C-alpha atoms as a PDB file:
ATOM      1  CA  MET A   1     177.203 103.392 172.563  1.00  0.00           C
ATOM      2  CA  ARG A   2     175.434 104.468 175.734  1.00  0.00           C
ATOM      3  CA  LEU A   3     176.433 103.577 179.284  1.00  0.00           C
ATOM      4  CA  ARG A   4     173.907 101.700 181.383  1.00  0.00           C
ATOM      5  CA  SER A   5     175.957 100.659 184.406  1.00  0.00           C
ATOM      6  CA  THR A   6     178.927 100.995 186.804  1.00  0.00           C
ATOM      7  CA  SER A   7     180.534 103.551 189.064  1.00  0.00           C
ATOM      8  CA  TRP A   8     183.656 103.898 186.885  1.00  0.00           C
ATOM      9  CA  ALA A   9     181.893 106.163 184.364  1.00  0.00           C
ATOM     10  CA  GLY A  10     183.999 109.216 183.516  1.00  0.00           C
ATOM     11  CA  SER A  11     186.653 108.431 186.135  1.00  0.00           C
ATOM     12  CA  LYS A  12     189.605 108.241 183.721  1.00  0.00           C
ATOM     13  CA  ALA A  13     189.342 111.622 181.983  1.00  0.00           C
ATOM     14  CA  GLY A  14     192.708 112.990 180.912  1.00  0.00           C
ATOM     15  CA  GLN A  15     194.285 109.529 180.599  1.00  0.00           C
ATOM     16  CA  ASP A  16     195.015 107.180 177.687  1.00  0.00           C
ATOM     17  CA  LEU A  17     194.299 103.454 177.476  1.00  0.00           C
ATOM     18  CA  CYS A  18     195.908 100.624 175.519  1.00  0.00           C
ATOM     19  CA  ILE A  19     193.679  97.629 174.749  1.00  0.00           C
ATOM     20  CA  LEU A  20     195.453  94.308 174.144  1.00  0.00           C
ATOM     21  CA  GLY A  21     193.823  91.787 171.813  1.00  0.00           C
ATOM     22  CA  SER A  22     195.020  88.272 171.109  1.00  0.00           C
ATOM     23  CA  ALA A  23     196.204  88.455 167.489  1.00  0.00           C
ATOM     24  CA  SER A  24     199.725  87.312 166.655  1.00  0.00           C
ATOM     25  CA  CYS A  25     200.792  90.935 166.038  1.00  0.00           C
ATOM     26  CA  LEU A  26     200.217  91.861 169.714  1.00  0.00           C
ATOM     27  CA  SER A  27     203.883  91.973 170.775  1.00  0.00           C
ATOM     28  CA  ARG A  28     204.974  93.946 167.722  1.00  0.00           C
ATOM     29  CA  ASP A  29     202.103  96.409 168.128  1.00  0.00           C
ATOM     30  CA  PHE A  30     202.626  96.955 171.855  1.00  0.00           C
ATOM     31  CA  ASN A  31     206.432  97.001 171.898  1.00  0.00           C
ATOM     32  CA  GLY A  32     206.429  99.760 169.281  1.00  0.00           C
ATOM     33  CA  LEU A  33     204.496 102.095 171.583  1.00  0.00           C
ATOM     34  CA  ASN A  34     206.731 102.536 174.654  1.00  0.00           C
ATOM     35  CA  TRP A  35     203.432 102.661 176.573  1.00  0.00           C
ATOM     36  CA  GLN A  36     203.201 104.339 179.992  1.00  0.00           C
ATOM     37  CA  GLY A  37     199.409 104.511 180.523  1.00  0.00           C
ATOM     38  CA  ASP A  38     196.696 102.099 181.628  1.00  0.00           C
ATOM     39  CA  VAL A  39     196.433  98.695 179.935  1.00  0.00           C
ATOM     40  CA  MET A  40     193.263  96.656 179.356  1.00  0.00           C
ATOM     41  CA  GLY A  41     193.686  92.995 178.395  1.00  0.00           C
ATOM     42  CA  LEU A  42     191.019  91.011 176.538  1.00  0.00           C
ATOM     43  CA  ASN A  43     189.924  87.464 177.313  1.00  0.00           C
ATOM     44  CA  ASP A  44     193.010  85.351 178.152  1.00  0.00           C
ATOM     45  CA  VAL A  45     195.643  87.999 177.303  1.00  0.00           C
ATOM     46  CA  PRO A  46     196.372  89.090 180.932  1.00  0.00           C
ATOM     47  CA  VAL A  47     197.441  85.520 181.748  1.00  0.00           C
ATOM     48  CA  TYR A  48     200.150  85.629 179.054  1.00  0.00           C
ATOM     49  CA  PHE A  49     201.054  89.321 178.834  1.00  0.00           C
ATOM     50  CA  SER A  50     204.534  90.021 180.230  1.00  0.00           C
ATOM     51  CA  GLY A  51     203.551  93.433 181.657  1.00  0.00           C
ATOM     52  CA  SER A  52     200.777  94.349 184.039  1.00  0.00           C
ATOM     53  CA  CYS A  53     197.171  95.082 183.127  1.00  0.00           C
ATOM     54  CA  THR A  54     195.036  97.655 184.909  1.00  0.00           C
ATOM     55  CA  HIS A  55     191.802  96.201 183.518  1.00  0.00           C
ATOM     56  CA  TRP A  56     190.681  92.836 182.191  1.00  0.00           C
ATOM     57  CA  VAL A  57     187.647  92.575 179.875  1.00  0.00           C
ATOM     58  CA  SER A  58     185.721  89.642 178.468  1.00  0.00           C
ATOM     59  CA  LEU A  59     182.294  88.936 177.046  1.00  0.00           C
ATOM     60  CA  HIS A  60     182.750  85.487 178.615  1.00  0.00           C
ATOM     61  CA  PRO A  61     182.330  86.274 182.345  1.00  0.00           C
ATOM     62  CA  GLU A  62     182.835  82.647 183.336  1.00  0.00           C
ATOM     63  CA  ILE A  63     186.573  82.856 182.512  1.00  0.00           C
ATOM     64  CA  PHE A  64     187.447  85.094 185.453  1.00  0.00           C
ATOM     65  CA  GLN A  65     186.843  82.544 188.204  1.00  0.00           C
ATOM     66  CA  TYR A  66     189.323  80.201 186.499  1.00  0.00           C
ATOM     67  CA  MET A  67     191.836  82.622 184.988  1.00  0.00           C
ATOM     68  CA  LEU A  68     192.238  85.198 187.774  1.00  0.00           C
ATOM     69  CA  PRO A  69     194.285  82.787 189.911  1.00  0.00           C
ATOM     70  CA  LEU A  70     196.534  82.090 186.899  1.00  0.00           C
ATOM     71  CA  ALA A  71     197.071  85.777 186.228  1.00  0.00           C
ATOM     72  CA  HIS A  72     197.743  86.547 189.889  1.00  0.00           C
ATOM     73  CA  LYS A  73     200.226  83.662 190.134  1.00  0.00           C
ATOM     74  CA  ARG A  74     202.053  85.002 187.083  1.00  0.00           C
ATOM     75  CA  ILE A  75     202.045  88.506 188.506  1.00  0.00           C
ATOM     76  CA  VAL A  76     203.324  87.352 191.901  1.00  0.00           C
ATOM     77  CA  ASN A  77     206.152  85.436 190.190  1.00  0.00           C
ATOM     78  CA  GLN A  78     207.061  88.483 188.136  1.00  0.00           C
ATOM     79  CA  VAL A  79     206.961  90.841 191.130  1.00  0.00           C
ATOM     80  CA  SER A  80     209.882  88.918 192.556  1.00  0.00           C
ATOM     81  CA  LYS A  81     211.682  89.708 189.275  1.00  0.00           C
ATOM     82  CA  ASP A  82     211.068  93.467 189.683  1.00  0.00           C
ATOM     83  CA  VAL A  83     208.083  93.726 187.332  1.00  0.00           C
ATOM     84  CA  HIS A  84     205.909  96.685 188.328  1.00  0.00           C
ATOM     85  CA  TYR A  85     202.502  95.708 189.662  1.00  0.00           C
ATOM     86  CA  ASP A  86     200.959  97.691 192.474  1.00  0.00           C
ATOM     87  CA  LYS A  87     197.285  96.710 192.499  1.00  0.00           C
ATOM     88  CA  ARG A  88     194.981  93.974 191.423  1.00  0.00           C
ATOM     89  CA  ILE A  89     193.368  93.850 188.003  1.00  0.00           C
ATOM     90  CA  GLU A  90     189.848  95.314 187.754  1.00  0.00           C
ATOM     91  CA  THR A  91     187.638  92.884 185.819  1.00  0.00           C
ATOM     92  CA  HIS A  92     184.817  93.963 183.496  1.00  0.00           C
ATOM     93  CA  SER A  93     182.151  91.956 181.684  1.00  0.00           C
ATOM     94  CA  ASN A  94     178.583  92.033 180.441  1.00  0.00           C
ATOM     95  CA  ALA A  95     177.130  89.833 183.202  1.00  0.00           C
ATOM     96  CA  LYS A  96     177.544  89.098 186.907  1.00  0.00           C
ATOM     97  CA  TRP A  97     179.760  86.106 187.615  1.00  0.00           C
ATOM     98  CA  PRO A  98     182.306  85.129 190.251  1.00  0.00           C
ATOM     99  CA  GLY A  99     185.417  87.246 189.695  1.00  0.00           C
ATOM    100  CA  VAL A 100     183.647  90.054 187.778  1.00  0.00           C
ATOM    101  CA  ASP A 101     184.112  93.446 189.466  1.00  0.00           C
ATOM    102  CA  HIS A 102     182.187  95.658 187.030  1.00  0.00           C
ATOM    103  CA  VAL A 103     179.179  94.808 184.859  1.00  0.00           C
ATOM    104  CA  TRP A 104     178.520  96.938 181.773  1.00  0.00           C
ATOM    105  CA  LYS A 105     175.367  96.797 179.675  1.00  0.00           C
ATOM    106  CA  PHE A 106     175.573  98.249 176.169  1.00  0.00           C
ATOM    107  CA  GLU A 107     173.505  98.003 173.050  1.00  0.00           C
ATOM    108  CA  TRP A 108     175.527  95.288 171.306  1.00  0.00           C
ATOM    109  CA  LYS A 109     176.157  95.532 167.573  1.00  0.00           C
ATOM    110  CA  GLY A 110     179.151  93.196 167.305  1.00  0.00           C
ATOM    111  CA  GLY A 111     182.731  94.072 166.545  1.00  0.00           C
ATOM    112  CA  SER A 112     184.482  91.555 168.826  1.00  0.00           C
ATOM    113  CA  SER A 113     185.511  91.748 172.478  1.00  0.00           C
ATOM    114  CA  ALA A 114     187.696  94.699 171.517  1.00  0.00           C
ATOM    115  CA  MET A 115     184.636  96.774 170.604  1.00  0.00           C
ATOM    116  CA  PHE A 116     183.138  95.966 174.001  1.00  0.00           C
ATOM    117  CA  ALA A 117     186.420  97.048 175.650  1.00  0.00           C
ATOM    118  CA  VAL A 118     186.454 100.285 173.626  1.00  0.00           C
ATOM    119  CA  GLN A 119     182.912 101.038 174.796  1.00  0.00           C
ATOM    120  CA  ILE A 120     184.027 100.522 178.394  1.00  0.00           C
ATOM    121  CA  GLY A 121     187.112 102.680 177.913  1.00  0.00           C
ATOM    122  CA  LEU A 122     185.161 105.528 176.325  1.00  0.00           C
ATOM    123  CA  ASN A 123     182.533 105.396 179.076  1.00  0.00           C
ATOM    124  CA  MET A 124     185.263 105.412 181.706  1.00  0.00           C
ATOM    125  CA  GLY A 125     186.364 108.714 180.176  1.00  0.00           C
ATOM    126  CA  TYR A 126     189.724 107.822 178.622  1.00  0.00           C
ATOM    127  CA  ASP A 127     190.769 110.559 176.208  1.00  0.00           C
ATOM    128  CA  ARG A 128     192.436 108.251 173.695  1.00  0.00           C
ATOM    129  CA  ILE A 129     192.452 104.508 173.226  1.00  0.00           C
ATOM    130  CA  VAL A 130     194.935 102.484 171.172  1.00  0.00           C
ATOM    131  CA  LEU A 131     194.349  98.899 170.044  1.00  0.00           C
ATOM    132  CA  CYS A 132     197.246  96.427 169.927  1.00  0.00           C
ATOM    133  CA  GLY A 133     196.714  92.908 168.609  1.00  0.00           C
ATOM    134  CA  VAL A 134     193.279  93.805 167.179  1.00  0.00           C
ATOM    135  CA  PRO A 135     193.787  93.877 163.395  1.00  0.00           C
ATOM    136  CA  MET A 136     190.314  92.468 162.605  1.00  0.00           C
ATOM    137  CA  ASP A 137     191.719  90.354 159.785  1.00  0.00           C
ATOM    138  CA  ASN A 138     192.438  86.673 159.400  1.00  0.00           C
ATOM    139  CA  SER A 139     195.561  86.762 161.609  1.00  0.00           C
ATOM    140  CA  PRO A 140     196.054  83.830 163.960  1.00  0.00           C
ATOM    141  CA  ARG A 141     195.891  84.365 167.699  1.00  0.00           C
ATOM    142  CA  PHE A 142     199.270  84.484 169.436  1.00  0.00           C
ATOM    143  CA  THR A 143     198.448  81.223 171.246  1.00  0.00           C
ATOM    144  CA  GLU A 144     198.006  79.476 167.881  1.00  0.00           C
ATOM    145  CA  LEU A 145     201.485  80.289 166.535  1.00  0.00           C
ATOM    146  CA  CYS A 146     203.063  77.265 168.202  1.00  0.00           C
ATOM    147  CA  LEU A 147     200.760  74.761 166.490  1.00  0.00           C
ATOM    148  CA  VAL A 148     202.423  72.887 163.626  1.00  0.00           C
ATOM    149  CA  ASP A 149     200.585  73.056 160.295  1.00  0.00           C
ATOM    150  CA  TYR A 150     197.744  75.015 161.870  1.00  0.00           C
ATOM    151  CA  LYS A 151     195.725  77.154 159.484  1.00  0.00           C
ATOM    152  CA  HIS A 152     193.683  79.845 161.221  1.00  0.00           C
ATOM    153  CA  VAL A 153     190.440  80.718 159.466  1.00  0.00           C
ATOM    154  CA  ASP A 154     188.270  83.347 161.121  1.00  0.00           C
ATOM    155  CA  TYR A 155     185.299  84.252 158.974  1.00  0.00           C
ATOM    156  CA  ALA A 156     183.687  86.261 161.781  1.00  0.00           C
ATOM    157  CA  TYR A 157     186.212  89.094 161.416  1.00  0.00           C
ATOM    158  CA  LYS A 158     184.403  90.426 158.332  1.00  0.00           C
ATOM    159  CA  GLU A 159     181.143  90.779 160.261  1.00  0.00           C
ATOM    160  CA  GLY A 160     183.009  92.333 163.181  1.00  0.00           C
ATOM    161  CA  LEU A 161     184.767  94.797 160.906  1.00  0.00           C
ATOM    162  CA  ASN A 162     181.360  96.016 159.682  1.00  0.00           C
ATOM    163  CA  ALA A 163     180.491  96.952 163.272  1.00  0.00           C
ATOM    164  CA  TRP A 164     183.735  98.968 163.534  1.00  0.00           C
ATOM    165  CA  GLU A 165     182.875 100.788 160.308  1.00  0.00           C
ATOM    166  CA  GLU A 166     179.389 101.640 161.618  1.00  0.00           C
ATOM    167  CA  ALA A 167     180.835 102.969 164.895  1.00  0.00           C
ATOM    168  CA  LEU A 168     183.507 105.043 163.119  1.00  0.00           C
ATOM    169  CA  PRO A 169     181.836 108.448 163.730  1.00  0.00           C
ATOM    170  CA  GLN A 170     182.039 107.891 167.527  1.00  0.00           C
ATOM    171  CA  LEU A 171     185.569 106.436 167.381  1.00  0.00           C
ATOM    172  CA  LYS A 172     187.519 108.573 164.907  1.00  0.00           C
ATOM    173  CA  GLY A 173     190.129 110.747 166.613  1.00  0.00           C
ATOM    174  CA  ARG A 174     189.762 108.955 169.969  1.00  0.00           C
ATOM    175  CA  VAL A 175     190.408 105.316 169.097  1.00  0.00           C
ATOM    176  CA  PHE A 176     193.474 104.189 167.142  1.00  0.00           C
ATOM    177  CA  SER A 177     194.985 100.873 166.082  1.00  0.00           C
ATOM    178  CA  GLN A 178     198.495  99.657 165.442  1.00  0.00           C
ATOM    179  CA  SER A 179     197.736  97.004 162.804  1.00  0.00           C
ATOM    180  CA  GLY A 180     195.532  95.498 160.147  1.00  0.00           C
ATOM    181  CA  ASN A 181     192.071  96.574 159.090  1.00  0.00           C
ATOM    182  CA  THR A 182     191.444  98.542 162.265  1.00  0.00           C
ATOM    183  CA  GLU A 183     194.610 100.574 161.614  1.00  0.00           C
ATOM    184  CA  LYS A 184     193.373 101.367 158.092  1.00  0.00           C
ATOM    185  CA  LEU A 185     190.007 102.395 159.515  1.00  0.00           C
ATOM    186  CA  LEU A 186     191.066 104.286 162.670  1.00  0.00           C
ATOM    187  CA  GLY A 187     194.657 105.348 161.982  1.00  0.00           C
ATOM    188  CA  ARG A 188     197.782 104.741 164.078  1.00  0.00           C
ATOM    189  CA  PHE A 189     198.228 106.163 167.562  1.00  0.00           C
ATOM    190  CA  PRO A 190     199.925 109.582 167.336  1.00  0.00           C
ATOM    191  CA  HIS A 191     203.150 109.171 169.342  1.00  0.00           C
ATOM    192  CA  GLY A 192     204.289 112.056 171.513  1.00  0.00           C
ATOM    193  CA  THR A 193     201.060 114.046 171.406  1.00  0.00           C
END
C-alpha cells in the first residue's frame, strides 16, 4: 500500500478516522462509538448519513458530480436544525472527474471501496481507523432494507475478504471494525484509549 499522489499525505497524524460503509449494520456500528473524530463516507453514504462527513471516497468518480449537490442540500437543511457542519466535504477517488478534489493511485488488490478508503486514511497519516458498516459478509446494504421480499446475495465479499486478510500485517493495530468478518479479522475499536 504505497502512496503515489496528493498533497494530503501525512497531514492527519495524531487523529483518528471513522470510515462509513453501506451495510445495514452501519447505524448500530456508528451509534455505539460516540465518535468525535473525522468521518469518511463511502460511495452514496454521505447523502444519507445523518451526521457530517469530513471526507467522501469512491472508486466510482462519476458519482460526485451528481451526488455532491444532494449531499450539500441535505447538509444545508440540517444546518438549519443545528447539525454541526463547518466546511465542505473533501472528495477522494482513483481518477480525475468533475467533483473529485483528490486523486489517489494505489496498487489495487481488491477488498472493496473500504480498502481503498483505508489506504487513503493511512496515507493521510491517521493514527487509527475504525470501520462501521463494513462487515464484509452477505449483509444487505442499508438502502436495500426497505425492499419487500428482497434477498441480498453478494458473492464478491469472499474475494474482498481475501484482500483484507492479505493486508492484515499492515492493518493490525491501526485499523479496526465494529462488525462482521472485518471485526473478527481486525478486532473492535478500543474505546477510551
